[in-house]
C-alpha cells in the first residue's frame, strides 16, 4: 500500500471539518482552506510544468548523448580515413617515385644508346671524310702530275711525227686523263 499522502485542491475544498462547540471560526477555516487549495493548485501546476521541463531536458540530454556518440564515431571514422588516405598517399608516392626512377633509367639507357649510335655514325662519317679527302688528294696529285707533264711537253720542242697510214691533216688523238 502506498503510504504517501495525496491531497488535491478539490479534496481541500470539499473536506468537512464537522461542527463542535468552541471550535474554530468557520470563516477563517474557509479562508484557510481556500488558500491551501490555491497553493496546492499552484504547486500542482508547477509540478506539471517542472515534470514537462524535466522530460524535455531528458529528451535533450538523450539527443545530446546521441549527437556526442555520432560525433565521436565521425571523429574516429575521420581519423581512420585520414590514416588510410595517408597510407594510400605514401604507397602511391612510393610507386610514383619507383616508376619515375625506372623511367629515368630507361631514358638514360636510351640516351646512352643514342649517344653510342651517334658516336659510331660520327666515326663512320669521319672515316668516309678521310677516305674522300685521300681520293681527292690522289686525284689532285694525278692531275698535278699530268699538268706538270703537259707543261714539260709544251716547253720541249715539238717534232711532228706522222705515223704510217695517217695523213698530216688528221688531228692528233687526245691524251687520256685519268
C-alpha atoms as a PDB file:
ATOM      1  CA  UNK A   1       0.000   0.000   0.000  1.00  0.00           C
ATOM      2  CA  UNK A   2       1.233   3.471  -0.940  1.00  0.00           C
ATOM      3  CA  UNK A   3       1.988   5.445   2.178  1.00  0.00           C
ATOM      4  CA  UNK A   4       2.314   8.818   0.503  1.00  0.00           C
ATOM      5  CA  UNK A   5      -0.424  11.263   1.188  1.00  0.00           C
ATOM      6  CA  UNK A   6      -2.154  12.619  -1.946  1.00  0.00           C
ATOM      7  CA  UNK A   7      -4.240  15.697  -1.485  1.00  0.00           C
ATOM      8  CA  UNK A   8      -5.871  17.627  -4.294  1.00  0.00           C
ATOM      9  CA  UNK A   9      -7.277  21.154  -4.177  1.00  0.00           C
ATOM     10  CA  UNK A  10     -10.760  19.684  -4.625  1.00  0.00           C
ATOM     11  CA  UNK A  11     -10.181  17.444  -1.571  1.00  0.00           C
ATOM     12  CA  UNK A  12      -9.308  20.519   0.493  1.00  0.00           C
ATOM     13  CA  UNK A  13     -12.354  22.451  -0.741  1.00  0.00           C
ATOM     14  CA  UNK A  14     -14.795  19.622  -0.033  1.00  0.00           C
ATOM     15  CA  UNK A  15     -13.388  18.430   3.264  1.00  0.00           C
ATOM     16  CA  UNK A  16     -15.947  18.808   6.071  1.00  0.00           C
ATOM     17  CA  UNK A  17     -14.400  19.500   9.450  1.00  0.00           C
ATOM     18  CA  UNK A  18     -17.609  18.963  11.301  1.00  0.00           C
ATOM     19  CA  UNK A  19     -19.075  21.318  13.960  1.00  0.00           C
ATOM     20  CA  UNK A  20     -18.127  21.397  17.535  1.00  0.00           C
ATOM     21  CA  UNK A  21     -18.604  23.774  20.311  1.00  0.00           C
ATOM     22  CA  UNK A  22     -15.978  26.176  20.758  1.00  0.00           C
ATOM     23  CA  UNK A  23     -14.480  25.067  17.559  1.00  0.00           C
ATOM     24  CA  UNK A  24     -12.622  27.110  15.020  1.00  0.00           C
ATOM     25  CA  UNK A  25     -14.009  30.195  13.409  1.00  0.00           C
ATOM     26  CA  UNK A  26     -15.767  28.868  10.289  1.00  0.00           C
ATOM     27  CA  UNK A  27     -14.969  31.944   8.175  1.00  0.00           C
ATOM     28  CA  UNK A  28     -11.278  31.709   8.962  1.00  0.00           C
ATOM     29  CA  UNK A  29     -11.240  27.970   8.304  1.00  0.00           C
ATOM     30  CA  UNK A  30     -12.911  28.561   4.933  1.00  0.00           C
ATOM     31  CA  UNK A  31     -10.375  31.265   4.051  1.00  0.00           C
ATOM     32  CA  UNK A  32      -7.514  28.976   5.059  1.00  0.00           C
ATOM     33  CA  UNK A  33      -8.972  26.071   3.072  1.00  0.00           C
ATOM     34  CA  UNK A  34      -9.242  28.336   0.031  1.00  0.00           C
ATOM     35  CA  UNK A  35      -5.606  29.480   0.449  1.00  0.00           C
ATOM     36  CA  UNK A  36      -4.419  25.896   0.867  1.00  0.00           C
ATOM     37  CA  UNK A  37      -6.426  24.813  -2.217  1.00  0.00           C
ATOM     38  CA  UNK A  38      -4.973  27.668  -4.287  1.00  0.00           C
ATOM     39  CA  UNK A  39      -1.437  26.847  -3.105  1.00  0.00           C
ATOM     40  CA  UNK A  40      -1.982  23.180  -3.957  1.00  0.00           C
ATOM     41  CA  UNK A  41      -3.228  24.197  -7.429  1.00  0.00           C
ATOM     42  CA  UNK A  42      -0.162  26.401  -7.939  1.00  0.00           C
ATOM     43  CA  UNK A  43       2.155  23.651  -6.723  1.00  0.00           C
ATOM     44  CA  UNK A  44       0.390  21.093  -8.919  1.00  0.00           C
ATOM     45  CA  UNK A  45       0.742  23.364 -11.979  1.00  0.00           C
ATOM     46  CA  UNK A  46       4.374  23.978 -11.063  1.00  0.00           C
ATOM     47  CA  UNK A  47       4.973  20.239 -10.645  1.00  0.00           C
ATOM     48  CA  UNK A  48       3.357  19.520 -14.015  1.00  0.00           C
ATOM     49  CA  UNK A  49       5.427  22.312 -15.581  1.00  0.00           C
ATOM     50  CA  UNK A  50       8.634  21.036 -13.945  1.00  0.00           C
ATOM     51  CA  UNK A  51       7.826  17.447 -15.000  1.00  0.00           C
ATOM     52  CA  UNK A  52       7.329  18.677 -18.553  1.00  0.00           C
ATOM     53  CA  UNK A  53      10.612  20.604 -18.438  1.00  0.00           C
ATOM     54  CA  UNK A  54      12.392  17.594 -16.925  1.00  0.00           C
ATOM     55  CA  UNK A  55      11.030  15.421 -19.742  1.00  0.00           C
ATOM     56  CA  UNK A  56      12.282  17.977 -22.260  1.00  0.00           C
ATOM     57  CA  UNK A  57      15.667  18.108 -20.561  1.00  0.00           C
ATOM     58  CA  UNK A  58      15.869  14.321 -20.506  1.00  0.00           C
ATOM     59  CA  UNK A  59      14.977  14.293 -24.203  1.00  0.00           C
ATOM     60  CA  UNK A  60      17.602  16.959 -24.918  1.00  0.00           C
ATOM     61  CA  UNK A  61      20.154  15.031 -22.853  1.00  0.00           C
ATOM     62  CA  UNK A  62      19.359  11.874 -24.824  1.00  0.00           C
ATOM     63  CA  UNK A  63      19.679  13.823 -28.106  1.00  0.00           C
ATOM     64  CA  UNK A  64      22.960  15.369 -26.933  1.00  0.00           C
ATOM     65  CA  UNK A  65      24.290  11.958 -25.972  1.00  0.00           C
ATOM     66  CA  UNK A  66      23.293  10.606 -29.393  1.00  0.00           C
ATOM     67  CA  UNK A  67      24.982  13.564 -31.094  1.00  0.00           C
ATOM     68  CA  UNK A  68      28.049  13.120 -28.911  1.00  0.00           C
ATOM     69  CA  UNK A  69      28.203   9.455 -29.848  1.00  0.00           C
ATOM     70  CA  UNK A  70      27.682  10.323 -33.531  1.00  0.00           C
ATOM     71  CA  UNK A  71      30.394  12.992 -33.335  1.00  0.00           C
ATOM     72  CA  UNK A  72      32.776  10.573 -31.625  1.00  0.00           C
ATOM     73  CA  UNK A  73      32.008   7.926 -34.243  1.00  0.00           C
ATOM     74  CA  UNK A  74      32.537  10.509 -37.001  1.00  0.00           C
ATOM     75  CA  UNK A  75      35.804  11.616 -35.399  1.00  0.00           C
ATOM     76  CA  UNK A  76      37.045   8.039 -35.155  1.00  0.00           C
ATOM     77  CA  UNK A  77      35.976   7.426 -38.768  1.00  0.00           C
ATOM     78  CA  UNK A  78      37.690  10.637 -39.891  1.00  0.00           C
ATOM     79  CA  UNK A  79      40.887   9.645 -38.098  1.00  0.00           C
ATOM     80  CA  UNK A  80      40.777   6.182 -39.659  1.00  0.00           C
ATOM     81  CA  UNK A  81      40.073   7.709 -43.071  1.00  0.00           C
ATOM     82  CA  UNK A  82      42.928  10.189 -42.601  1.00  0.00           C
ATOM     83  CA  UNK A  83      45.270   7.321 -41.710  1.00  0.00           C
ATOM     84  CA  UNK A  84      44.078   5.285 -44.695  1.00  0.00           C
ATOM     85  CA  UNK A  85      44.469   8.282 -47.015  1.00  0.00           C
ATOM     86  CA  UNK A  86      47.941   8.974 -45.649  1.00  0.00           C
ATOM     87  CA  UNK A  87      48.977   5.338 -46.078  1.00  0.00           C
ATOM     88  CA  UNK A  88      47.485   5.274 -49.572  1.00  0.00           C
ATOM     89  CA  UNK A  89      49.245   8.522 -50.475  1.00  0.00           C
ATOM     90  CA  UNK A  90      52.548   7.175 -49.150  1.00  0.00           C
ATOM     91  CA  UNK A  91      52.109   3.968 -51.158  1.00  0.00           C
ATOM     92  CA  UNK A  92      51.199   5.978 -54.245  1.00  0.00           C
ATOM     93  CA  UNK A  93      54.153   8.321 -53.727  1.00  0.00           C
ATOM     94  CA  UNK A  94      56.490   5.346 -53.370  1.00  0.00           C
ATOM     95  CA  UNK A  95      55.068   3.834 -56.542  1.00  0.00           C
ATOM     96  CA  UNK A  96      55.385   7.141 -58.414  1.00  0.00           C
ATOM     97  CA  UNK A  97      59.000   7.517 -57.283  1.00  0.00           C
ATOM     98  CA  UNK A  98      59.764   3.924 -58.278  1.00  0.00           C
ATOM     99  CA  UNK A  99      58.130   4.405 -61.687  1.00  0.00           C
ATOM    100  CA  UNK A 100      59.917   7.737 -62.163  1.00  0.00           C
ATOM    101  CA  UNK A 101      63.263   6.133 -61.345  1.00  0.00           C
ATOM    102  CA  UNK A 102      62.571   3.281 -63.752  1.00  0.00           C
ATOM    103  CA  UNK A 103      61.515   5.741 -66.451  1.00  0.00           C
ATOM    104  CA  UNK A 104      64.604   7.832 -65.748  1.00  0.00           C
ATOM    105  CA  UNK A 105      66.822   4.780 -66.017  1.00  0.00           C
ATOM    106  CA  UNK A 106      65.132   3.801 -69.293  1.00  0.00           C
ATOM    107  CA  UNK A 107      65.587   7.333 -70.634  1.00  0.00           C
ATOM    108  CA  UNK A 108      69.213   7.341 -69.503  1.00  0.00           C
ATOM    109  CA  UNK A 109      69.855   3.993 -71.178  1.00  0.00           C
ATOM    110  CA  UNK A 110      68.100   5.132 -74.361  1.00  0.00           C
ATOM    111  CA  UNK A 111      70.145   8.334 -74.331  1.00  0.00           C
ATOM    112  CA  UNK A 112      73.372   6.388 -73.808  1.00  0.00           C
ATOM    113  CA  UNK A 113      72.410   4.036 -76.637  1.00  0.00           C
ATOM    114  CA  UNK A 114      71.633   7.013 -78.881  1.00  0.00           C
ATOM    115  CA  UNK A 115      74.995   8.589 -77.939  1.00  0.00           C
ATOM    116  CA  UNK A 116      76.811   5.338 -78.825  1.00  0.00           C
ATOM    117  CA  UNK A 117      74.927   5.138 -82.131  1.00  0.00           C
ATOM    118  CA  UNK A 118      75.704   8.776 -82.944  1.00  0.00           C
ATOM    119  CA  UNK A 119      79.377   8.321 -81.976  1.00  0.00           C
ATOM    120  CA  UNK A 120      79.590   5.291 -84.279  1.00  0.00           C
ATOM    121  CA  UNK A 121      77.892   7.261 -87.064  1.00  0.00           C
ATOM    122  CA  UNK A 122      80.245  10.187 -86.447  1.00  0.00           C
ATOM    123  CA  UNK A 123      83.259   7.847 -86.604  1.00  0.00           C
ATOM    124  CA  UNK A 124      81.889   6.359 -89.835  1.00  0.00           C
ATOM    125  CA  UNK A 125      81.414   9.851 -91.276  1.00  0.00           C
ATOM    126  CA  UNK A 126      84.945  10.791 -90.198  1.00  0.00           C
ATOM    127  CA  UNK A 127      86.350   7.663 -91.935  1.00  0.00           C
ATOM    128  CA  UNK A 128      84.329   8.474 -95.058  1.00  0.00           C
ATOM    129  CA  UNK A 129      85.599  12.089 -94.967  1.00  0.00           C
ATOM    130  CA  UNK A 130      89.205  10.934 -94.614  1.00  0.00           C
ATOM    131  CA  UNK A 131      88.741   8.406 -97.444  1.00  0.00           C
ATOM    132  CA  UNK A 132      87.170  11.083 -99.644  1.00  0.00           C
ATOM    133  CA  UNK A 133      89.986  13.518 -98.843  1.00  0.00           C
ATOM    134  CA  UNK A 134      92.553  10.789 -99.709  1.00  0.00           C
ATOM    135  CA  UNK A 135      90.782  10.188-103.016  1.00  0.00           C
ATOM    136  CA  UNK A 136      90.684  13.932-103.709  1.00  0.00           C
ATOM    137  CA  UNK A 137      94.378  14.168-102.817  1.00  0.00           C
ATOM    138  CA  UNK A 138      95.222  11.283-105.186  1.00  0.00           C
ATOM    139  CA  UNK A 139      93.144  12.792-107.949  1.00  0.00           C
ATOM    140  CA  UNK A 140      94.679  16.233-107.371  1.00  0.00           C
ATOM    141  CA  UNK A 141      98.181  14.729-107.331  1.00  0.00           C
ATOM    142  CA  UNK A 142      97.480  12.822-110.547  1.00  0.00           C
ATOM    143  CA  UNK A 143      96.088  15.918-112.253  1.00  0.00           C
ATOM    144  CA  UNK A 144      99.029  17.960-110.951  1.00  0.00           C
ATOM    145  CA  UNK A 145     101.374  15.315-112.361  1.00  0.00           C
ATOM    146  CA  UNK A 146      99.538  15.454-115.691  1.00  0.00           C
ATOM    147  CA  UNK A 147      99.690  19.272-115.667  1.00  0.00           C
ATOM    148  CA  UNK A 148     103.410  19.107-114.895  1.00  0.00           C
ATOM    149  CA  UNK A 149     103.929  16.551-117.661  1.00  0.00           C
ATOM    150  CA  UNK A 150     101.885  18.667-120.064  1.00  0.00           C
ATOM    151  CA  UNK A 151     103.917  21.757-119.165  1.00  0.00           C
ATOM    152  CA  UNK A 152     107.153  19.847-119.711  1.00  0.00           C
ATOM    153  CA  UNK A 153     105.946  18.600-123.048  1.00  0.00           C
ATOM    154  CA  UNK A 154     104.959  22.059-124.193  1.00  0.00           C
ATOM    155  CA  UNK A 155     108.301  23.534-123.191  1.00  0.00           C
ATOM    156  CA  UNK A 156     110.221  20.883-125.222  1.00  0.00           C
ATOM    157  CA  UNK A 157     110.490  21.439-128.999  1.00  0.00           C
ATOM    158  CA  UNK A 158     107.965  19.541-130.929  1.00  0.00           C
ATOM    159  CA  UNK A 159     108.693  17.423-133.858  1.00  0.00           C
ATOM    160  CA  UNK A 160     105.651  16.387-135.700  1.00  0.00           C
ATOM    161  CA  UNK A 161     105.712  12.742-136.309  1.00  0.00           C
ATOM    162  CA  UNK A 162     103.334  11.176-138.682  1.00  0.00           C
ATOM    163  CA  UNK A 163     102.531   7.630-138.133  1.00  0.00           C
ATOM    164  CA  UNK A 164     102.155   5.396-141.114  1.00  0.00           C
ATOM    165  CA  UNK A 165      98.807   5.478-142.735  1.00  0.00           C
ATOM    166  CA  UNK A 166      97.882   8.806-141.286  1.00  0.00           C
ATOM    167  CA  UNK A 167      97.699  11.982-143.138  1.00  0.00           C
ATOM    168  CA  UNK A 168      99.218  15.078-141.752  1.00  0.00           C
ATOM    169  CA  UNK A 169      95.841  16.824-141.857  1.00  0.00           C
ATOM    170  CA  UNK A 170      94.265  14.474-139.277  1.00  0.00           C
ATOM    171  CA  UNK A 171      94.130  15.736-135.726  1.00  0.00           C
ATOM    172  CA  UNK A 172      96.205  14.005-133.110  1.00  0.00           C
ATOM    173  CA  UNK A 173      94.466  11.689-130.650  1.00  0.00           C
ATOM    174  CA  UNK A 174      93.612  13.297-127.353  1.00  0.00           C
ATOM    175  CA  UNK A 175      95.574  12.278-124.281  1.00  0.00           C
ATOM    176  CA  UNK A 176      93.500  10.445-121.710  1.00  0.00           C
ATOM    177  CA  UNK A 177      93.389  11.815-118.231  1.00  0.00           C
ATOM    178  CA  UNK A 178      92.507   9.530-115.581  1.00  0.00           C
END
